Amino acid sequence: VYEKLGKKPCYCQVKVAQALYMGRDVMACAPTGARKTLTFWIPVLMSLAEGKDKMMIVITPLNLLGRQNKEALDKAGLKGIAISCKNANPETFKEIEAGKYNVVIINPEILMGNESIEDLWKKAKVTK
């Protein structure tokens, strides 16, 4: 984690990341600045280290947070996309379906109101 992201996770972050990696549903509450996002990236790194072709979908309330997360992924060498109204188009969703990204960051409005994302949920490759 430190090599890729430049940060050392704390015990709570590791426990949440392990639960996510094992496919469990997780709800973690922490204050602003507690590096909650790091817990999302750890399972992605674990999957890649084991040669697994997995994708994580992160729902963020703000496009700004999505862009910041995408920048962090870029620095770590992870393939991610932050979907906003600017790139929520059929081509983007075809790339997601094809497995181009390790992480898809999306806001609730697009998640709930875009026909292309609705079609993605029907594909086993995306939802496994």
N, C-alpha and C. Protein backbone atom coordinates (compact mmCIF):
# COMPACT_ATOMS: atom_id res chain seq x y z
N VAL A 1 0.84 -1.19 0.00
CA VAL A 1 0.00 0.00 0.00
C VAL A 1 0.88 1.25 0.00
N TYR A 2 1.89 1.22 0.86
CA TYR A 2 2.76 2.39 0.94
C TYR A 2 3.49 2.64 -0.38
N GLU A 3 3.96 1.57 -1.03
CA GLU A 3 4.67 1.73 -2.30
C GLU A 3 3.81 2.38 -3.37
N LYS A 4 2.55 1.98 -3.44
CA LYS A 4 1.65 2.49 -4.49
C LYS A 4 1.03 3.83 -4.13
N LEU A 5 0.60 3.97 -2.87
CA LEU A 5 -0.19 5.14 -2.48
C LEU A 5 0.56 6.13 -1.60
N GLY A 6 1.72 5.72 -1.09
CA GLY A 6 2.51 6.62 -0.26
C GLY A 6 1.93 6.84 1.13
N LYS A 7 1.05 5.94 1.55
CA LYS A 7 0.41 6.07 2.86
C LYS A 7 0.38 4.71 3.53
N LYS A 8 0.55 4.72 4.85
CA LYS A 8 0.45 3.49 5.62
C LYS A 8 -0.93 3.44 6.26
N PRO A 9 -1.67 2.36 6.02
CA PRO A 9 -3.02 2.27 6.60
C PRO A 9 -2.95 1.97 8.10
N CYS A 10 -3.96 2.46 8.81
CA CYS A 10 -4.08 2.14 10.24
C CYS A 10 -4.85 0.82 10.38
N TYR A 11 -4.94 0.34 11.59
CA TYR A 11 -5.59 -0.94 11.86
C TYR A 11 -7.03 -0.96 11.35
N CYS A 12 -7.79 0.08 11.63
CA CYS A 12 -9.20 0.12 11.20
C CYS A 12 -9.33 0.09 9.68
N GLN A 13 -8.45 0.79 9.00
CA GLN A 13 -8.48 0.79 7.54
C GLN A 13 -8.20 -0.61 6.99
N VAL A 14 -7.27 -1.30 7.60
CA VAL A 14 -6.93 -2.65 7.16
C VAL A 14 -8.11 -3.59 7.39
N LYS A 15 -8.77 -3.48 8.54
CA LYS A 15 -9.91 -4.36 8.84
C LYS A 15 -11.06 -4.13 7.86
N VAL A 16 -11.36 -2.88 7.57
CA VAL A 16 -12.42 -2.57 6.60
C VAL A 16 -12.02 -3.08 5.22
N ALA A 17 -10.78 -2.85 4.82
CA ALA A 17 -10.30 -3.30 3.51
C ALA A 17 -10.38 -4.81 3.39
N GLN A 18 -10.03 -5.53 4.44
CA GLN A 18 -10.11 -6.99 4.41
C GLN A 18 -11.56 -7.44 4.22
N ALA A 19 -12.47 -6.80 4.92
CA ALA A 19 -13.89 -7.17 4.79
C ALA A 19 -14.38 -6.91 3.37
N LEU A 20 -14.01 -5.77 2.80
CA LEU A 20 -14.39 -5.46 1.42
C LEU A 20 -13.80 -6.49 0.46
N TYR A 21 -12.56 -6.84 0.67
CA TYR A 21 -11.88 -7.80 -0.19
C TYR A 21 -12.57 -9.17 -0.16
N MET A 22 -13.10 -9.52 0.99
CA MET A 22 -13.79 -10.81 1.14
C MET A 22 -15.24 -10.74 0.63
N GLY A 23 -15.63 -9.59 0.08
CA GLY A 23 -16.95 -9.47 -0.52
C GLY A 23 -18.06 -9.13 0.45
N ARG A 24 -17.70 -8.69 1.63
CA ARG A 24 -18.72 -8.33 2.61
C ARG A 24 -19.23 -6.92 2.37
N ASP A 25 -20.47 -6.68 2.75
CA ASP A 25 -21.00 -5.33 2.75
C ASP A 25 -20.45 -4.62 3.98
N VAL A 26 -19.99 -3.40 3.80
CA VAL A 26 -19.35 -2.68 4.89
C VAL A 26 -19.90 -1.27 4.97
N MET A 27 -20.15 -0.81 6.18
CA MET A 27 -20.46 0.59 6.42
C MET A 27 -19.49 1.08 7.48
N ALA A 28 -18.66 2.02 7.12
CA ALA A 28 -17.68 2.56 8.04
C ALA A 28 -17.90 4.06 8.17
N CYS A 29 -17.94 4.54 9.38
CA CYS A 29 -18.12 5.97 9.64
C CYS A 29 -16.84 6.53 10.24
N ALA A 30 -16.37 7.61 9.68
CA ALA A 30 -15.16 8.26 10.19
C ALA A 30 -15.25 9.74 9.84
N PRO A 31 -14.58 10.57 10.61
CA PRO A 31 -14.65 12.01 10.36
C PRO A 31 -13.91 12.42 9.09
N THR A 32 -14.17 13.63 8.65
CA THR A 32 -13.47 14.21 7.51
C THR A 32 -11.97 14.17 7.77
N GLY A 33 -11.23 13.77 6.77
CA GLY A 33 -9.78 13.73 6.89
C GLY A 33 -9.23 12.45 7.49
N ALA A 34 -10.09 11.47 7.73
CA ALA A 34 -9.65 10.21 8.35
C ALA A 34 -9.11 9.21 7.32
N ARG A 35 -8.99 9.63 6.08
CA ARG A 35 -8.47 8.79 4.98
C ARG A 35 -9.34 7.56 4.73
N LYS A 36 -10.64 7.78 4.72
CA LYS A 36 -11.57 6.68 4.44
C LYS A 36 -11.33 6.10 3.06
N THR A 37 -11.00 6.94 2.12
CA THR A 37 -10.83 6.50 0.74
C THR A 37 -9.72 5.47 0.61
N LEU A 38 -8.71 5.55 1.45
CA LEU A 38 -7.63 4.57 1.41
C LEU A 38 -8.17 3.15 1.58
N THR A 39 -9.22 3.00 2.36
CA THR A 39 -9.80 1.67 2.57
C THR A 39 -10.41 1.11 1.28
N PHE A 40 -10.80 1.98 0.36
CA PHE A 40 -11.34 1.52 -0.93
C PHE A 40 -10.22 0.97 -1.81
N TRP A 41 -9.08 1.65 -1.79
CA TRP A 41 -8.02 1.30 -2.72
C TRP A 41 -7.26 0.05 -2.30
N ILE A 42 -7.21 -0.25 -1.02
CA ILE A 42 -6.47 -1.43 -0.55
C ILE A 42 -6.99 -2.72 -1.18
N PRO A 43 -8.32 -2.97 -1.19
CA PRO A 43 -8.80 -4.21 -1.83
C PRO A 43 -8.48 -4.28 -3.33
N VAL A 44 -8.47 -3.13 -3.98
CA VAL A 44 -8.11 -3.11 -5.41
C VAL A 44 -6.66 -3.56 -5.57
N LEU A 45 -5.78 -3.01 -4.74
CA LEU A 45 -4.37 -3.40 -4.79
C LEU A 45 -4.20 -4.88 -4.47
N MET A 46 -4.95 -5.39 -3.50
CA MET A 46 -4.87 -6.81 -3.14
C MET A 46 -5.29 -7.68 -4.32
N SER A 47 -6.38 -7.32 -4.97
CA SER A 47 -6.86 -8.09 -6.12
C SER A 47 -5.84 -8.11 -7.25
N LEU A 48 -5.28 -6.95 -7.54
CA LEU A 48 -4.29 -6.86 -8.62
C LEU A 48 -3.04 -7.67 -8.27
N ALA A 49 -2.63 -7.63 -7.01
CA ALA A 49 -1.44 -8.38 -6.59
C ALA A 49 -1.65 -9.88 -6.75
N GLU A 50 -2.90 -10.32 -6.64
CA GLU A 50 -3.21 -11.74 -6.79
C GLU A 50 -3.62 -12.10 -8.21
N GLY A 51 -3.53 -11.14 -9.13
CA GLY A 51 -3.86 -11.41 -10.52
C GLY A 51 -5.34 -11.53 -10.80
N LYS A 52 -6.17 -11.03 -9.91
CA LYS A 52 -7.62 -11.09 -10.11
C LYS A 52 -8.08 -9.88 -10.90
N ASP A 53 -9.00 -10.11 -11.81
CA ASP A 53 -9.55 -9.05 -12.64
C ASP A 53 -10.84 -8.56 -12.00
N LYS A 54 -10.72 -7.66 -11.06
CA LYS A 54 -11.88 -7.15 -10.33
C LYS A 54 -12.04 -5.66 -10.59
N MET A 55 -13.26 -5.18 -10.38
CA MET A 55 -13.55 -3.77 -10.52
C MET A 55 -14.28 -3.31 -9.27
N MET A 56 -13.91 -2.13 -8.79
CA MET A 56 -14.61 -1.55 -7.65
C MET A 56 -15.40 -0.35 -8.14
N ILE A 57 -16.63 -0.25 -7.67
CA ILE A 57 -17.46 0.90 -7.98
C ILE A 57 -17.59 1.73 -6.71
N VAL A 58 -17.20 2.99 -6.79
CA VAL A 58 -17.24 3.90 -5.65
C VAL A 58 -18.27 4.98 -5.96
N ILE A 59 -19.21 5.16 -5.06
CA ILE A 59 -20.23 6.20 -5.22
C ILE A 59 -19.81 7.40 -4.37
N THR A 60 -19.69 8.53 -5.01
CA THR A 60 -19.27 9.74 -4.32
C THR A 60 -20.32 10.83 -4.51
N PRO A 61 -20.56 11.63 -3.46
CA PRO A 61 -21.60 12.64 -3.57
C PRO A 61 -21.21 13.85 -4.42
N LEU A 62 -19.92 14.04 -4.63
CA LEU A 62 -19.46 15.24 -5.33
C LEU A 62 -18.52 14.89 -6.48
N ASN A 63 -18.71 15.56 -7.61
CA ASN A 63 -17.81 15.35 -8.74
C ASN A 63 -16.38 15.73 -8.39
N LEU A 64 -16.21 16.76 -7.56
CA LEU A 64 -14.87 17.18 -7.15
C LEU A 64 -14.15 16.04 -6.43
N LEU A 65 -14.83 15.36 -5.52
CA LEU A 65 -14.23 14.22 -4.84
C LEU A 65 -13.88 13.11 -5.82
N GLY A 66 -14.76 12.91 -6.79
CA GLY A 66 -14.49 11.91 -7.82
C GLY A 66 -13.22 12.21 -8.59
N ARG A 67 -13.05 13.47 -8.97
CA ARG A 67 -11.84 13.87 -9.70
C ARG A 67 -10.60 13.71 -8.83
N GLN A 68 -10.71 14.09 -7.55
CA GLN A 68 -9.57 13.94 -6.63
C GLN A 68 -9.20 12.46 -6.47
N ASN A 69 -10.21 11.62 -6.35
CA ASN A 69 -9.95 10.18 -6.23
C ASN A 69 -9.29 9.64 -7.49
N LYS A 70 -9.76 10.08 -8.64
CA LYS A 70 -9.17 9.64 -9.91
C LYS A 70 -7.71 10.05 -9.99
N GLU A 71 -7.39 11.26 -9.55
CA GLU A 71 -6.01 11.72 -9.55
C GLU A 71 -5.14 10.85 -8.65
N ALA A 72 -5.67 10.46 -7.49
CA ALA A 72 -4.93 9.58 -6.57
C ALA A 72 -4.69 8.21 -7.23
N LEU A 73 -5.69 7.72 -7.93
CA LEU A 73 -5.54 6.44 -8.63
C LEU A 73 -4.48 6.54 -9.72
N ASP A 74 -4.50 7.64 -10.47
CA ASP A 74 -3.51 7.85 -11.52
C ASP A 74 -2.10 7.82 -10.95
N LYS A 75 -1.90 8.51 -9.83
CA LYS A 75 -0.57 8.56 -9.20
C LYS A 75 -0.12 7.17 -8.76
N ALA A 76 -1.09 6.34 -8.37
CA ALA A 76 -0.78 4.98 -7.90
C ALA A 76 -0.64 3.99 -9.05
N GLY A 77 -0.89 4.46 -10.28
CA GLY A 77 -0.80 3.57 -11.43
C GLY A 77 -2.00 2.66 -11.59
N LEU A 78 -3.12 3.02 -10.98
CA LEU A 78 -4.35 2.23 -11.11
C LEU A 78 -5.22 2.85 -12.19
N LYS A 79 -5.96 2.00 -12.89
CA LYS A 79 -6.83 2.48 -13.96
C LYS A 79 -8.20 2.81 -13.36
N GLY A 80 -8.53 4.08 -13.37
CA GLY A 80 -9.81 4.49 -12.84
C GLY A 80 -10.46 5.54 -13.72
N ILE A 81 -11.74 5.72 -13.51
CA ILE A 81 -12.48 6.75 -14.22
C ILE A 81 -13.47 7.38 -13.25
N ALA A 82 -13.56 8.69 -13.31
CA ALA A 82 -14.57 9.43 -12.55
C ALA A 82 -15.64 9.84 -13.55
N ILE A 83 -16.82 9.29 -13.39
CA ILE A 83 -17.90 9.58 -14.34
C ILE A 83 -18.66 10.81 -13.89
N SER A 84 -18.83 11.73 -14.81
CA SER A 84 -19.63 12.93 -14.58
C SER A 84 -20.53 13.11 -15.81
N CYS A 85 -21.30 14.16 -15.81
CA CYS A 85 -22.17 14.39 -16.98
C CYS A 85 -21.35 14.61 -18.25
N LYS A 86 -20.08 14.98 -18.09
CA LYS A 86 -19.23 15.24 -19.25
C LYS A 86 -18.81 13.96 -19.98
N ASN A 87 -18.74 12.84 -19.27
CA ASN A 87 -18.28 11.61 -19.93
C ASN A 87 -19.23 10.43 -19.72
N ALA A 88 -20.43 10.68 -19.24
CA ALA A 88 -21.42 9.61 -19.05
C ALA A 88 -22.09 9.32 -20.39
N ASN A 89 -21.35 8.64 -21.25
CA ASN A 89 -21.85 8.37 -22.60
C ASN A 89 -21.67 6.88 -22.92
N PRO A 90 -22.29 6.41 -23.98
CA PRO A 90 -22.20 4.98 -24.32
C PRO A 90 -20.77 4.46 -24.46
N GLU A 91 -19.87 5.27 -25.01
CA GLU A 91 -18.48 4.84 -25.17
C GLU A 91 -17.82 4.55 -23.82
N THR A 92 -18.05 5.44 -22.85
CA THR A 92 -17.50 5.23 -21.51
C THR A 92 -18.02 3.94 -20.91
N PHE A 93 -19.30 3.69 -21.04
CA PHE A 93 -19.89 2.49 -20.44
C PHE A 93 -19.44 1.22 -21.17
N LYS A 94 -19.14 1.32 -22.46
CA LYS A 94 -18.56 0.17 -23.18
C LYS A 94 -17.17 -0.14 -22.64
N GLU A 95 -16.40 0.91 -22.36
CA GLU A 95 -15.06 0.72 -21.79
C GLU A 95 -15.14 0.05 -20.42
N ILE A 96 -16.11 0.47 -19.62
CA ILE A 96 -16.29 -0.13 -18.29
C ILE A 96 -16.63 -1.60 -18.44
N GLU A 97 -17.57 -1.90 -19.32
CA GLU A 97 -17.98 -3.29 -19.55
C GLU A 97 -16.81 -4.14 -20.04
N ALA A 98 -15.94 -3.55 -20.83
CA ALA A 98 -14.79 -4.28 -21.37
C ALA A 98 -13.69 -4.50 -20.33
N GLY A 99 -13.85 -3.91 -19.15
CA GLY A 99 -12.87 -4.11 -18.08
C GLY A 99 -11.67 -3.20 -18.15
N LYS A 100 -11.82 -2.05 -18.77
CA LYS A 100 -10.71 -1.12 -18.92
C LYS A 100 -10.26 -0.52 -17.58
N TYR A 101 -11.17 -0.45 -16.61
CA TYR A 101 -10.88 0.25 -15.35
C TYR A 101 -10.90 -0.69 -14.15
N ASN A 102 -10.01 -0.42 -13.20
CA ASN A 102 -10.04 -1.11 -11.91
C ASN A 102 -11.06 -0.47 -10.98
N VAL A 103 -11.24 0.84 -11.14
CA VAL A 103 -12.14 1.59 -10.26
C VAL A 103 -13.02 2.51 -11.10
N VAL A 104 -14.32 2.48 -10.81
CA VAL A 104 -15.28 3.37 -11.43
C VAL A 104 -15.86 4.24 -10.32
N ILE A 105 -15.70 5.54 -10.45
CA ILE A 105 -16.20 6.49 -9.46
C ILE A 105 -17.37 7.21 -10.10
N ILE A 106 -18.49 7.21 -9.40
CA ILE A 106 -19.72 7.73 -10.00
C ILE A 106 -20.55 8.43 -8.93
N ASN A 107 -21.36 9.40 -9.34
CA ASN A 107 -22.22 10.07 -8.37
C ASN A 107 -23.62 9.46 -8.41
N PRO A 108 -24.41 9.66 -7.38
CA PRO A 108 -25.74 9.03 -7.30
C PRO A 108 -26.68 9.42 -8.43
N GLU A 109 -26.58 10.66 -8.90
CA GLU A 109 -27.49 11.11 -9.95
C GLU A 109 -27.30 10.31 -11.23
N ILE A 110 -26.06 10.11 -11.62
CA ILE A 110 -25.80 9.33 -12.83
C ILE A 110 -26.09 7.86 -12.59
N LEU A 111 -25.74 7.38 -11.43
CA LEU A 111 -25.98 5.98 -11.08
C LEU A 111 -27.46 5.63 -11.20
N MET A 112 -28.32 6.52 -10.76
CA MET A 112 -29.75 6.23 -10.74
C MET A 112 -30.50 6.72 -11.98
N GLY A 113 -29.89 7.60 -12.76
CA GLY A 113 -30.66 8.20 -13.83
C GLY A 113 -30.09 8.02 -15.22
N ASN A 114 -29.21 7.05 -15.41
CA ASN A 114 -28.59 6.87 -16.72
C ASN A 114 -28.90 5.46 -17.23
N GLU A 115 -29.48 5.39 -18.39
CA GLU A 115 -29.88 4.10 -18.96
C GLU A 115 -28.68 3.18 -19.22
N SER A 116 -27.56 3.76 -19.62
CA SER A 116 -26.37 2.94 -19.90
C SER A 116 -25.85 2.26 -18.65
N ILE A 117 -25.85 2.95 -17.52
CA ILE A 117 -25.38 2.32 -16.29
C ILE A 117 -26.37 1.26 -15.84
N GLU A 118 -27.64 1.51 -16.08
CA GLU A 118 -28.66 0.50 -15.76
C GLU A 118 -28.41 -0.78 -16.56
N ASP A 119 -28.04 -0.64 -17.81
CA ASP A 119 -27.72 -1.81 -18.64
C ASP A 119 -26.49 -2.55 -18.11
N LEU A 120 -25.51 -1.80 -17.59
CA LEU A 120 -24.31 -2.44 -17.03
C LEU A 120 -24.65 -3.36 -15.87
N TRP A 121 -25.59 -2.96 -15.03
CA TRP A 121 -25.96 -3.77 -13.86
C TRP A 121 -26.49 -5.14 -14.27
N LYS A 122 -26.98 -5.23 -15.49
CA LYS A 122 -27.54 -6.50 -15.97
C LYS A 122 -26.45 -7.46 -16.47
N LYS A 123 -25.23 -6.98 -16.55
CA LYS A 123 -24.13 -7.79 -17.08
C LYS A 123 -23.38 -8.45 -15.92
N ALA A 124 -23.31 -9.76 -15.95
CA ALA A 124 -22.65 -10.52 -14.88
C ALA A 124 -21.18 -10.14 -14.73
N LYS A 125 -20.53 -9.82 -15.83
CA LYS A 125 -19.11 -9.47 -15.79
C LYS A 125 -18.86 -8.26 -14.90
N VAL A 126 -19.79 -7.34 -14.88
CA VAL A 126 -19.64 -6.11 -14.10
C VAL A 126 -20.04 -6.32 -12.65
N THR A 127 -21.07 -7.09 -12.41
CA THR A 127 -21.63 -7.18 -11.06
C THR A 127 -21.11 -8.34 -10.23
N LYS A 128 -20.25 -9.17 -10.78
CA LYS A 128 -19.70 -10.30 -10.00
C LYS A 128 -18.84 -9.83 -8.87
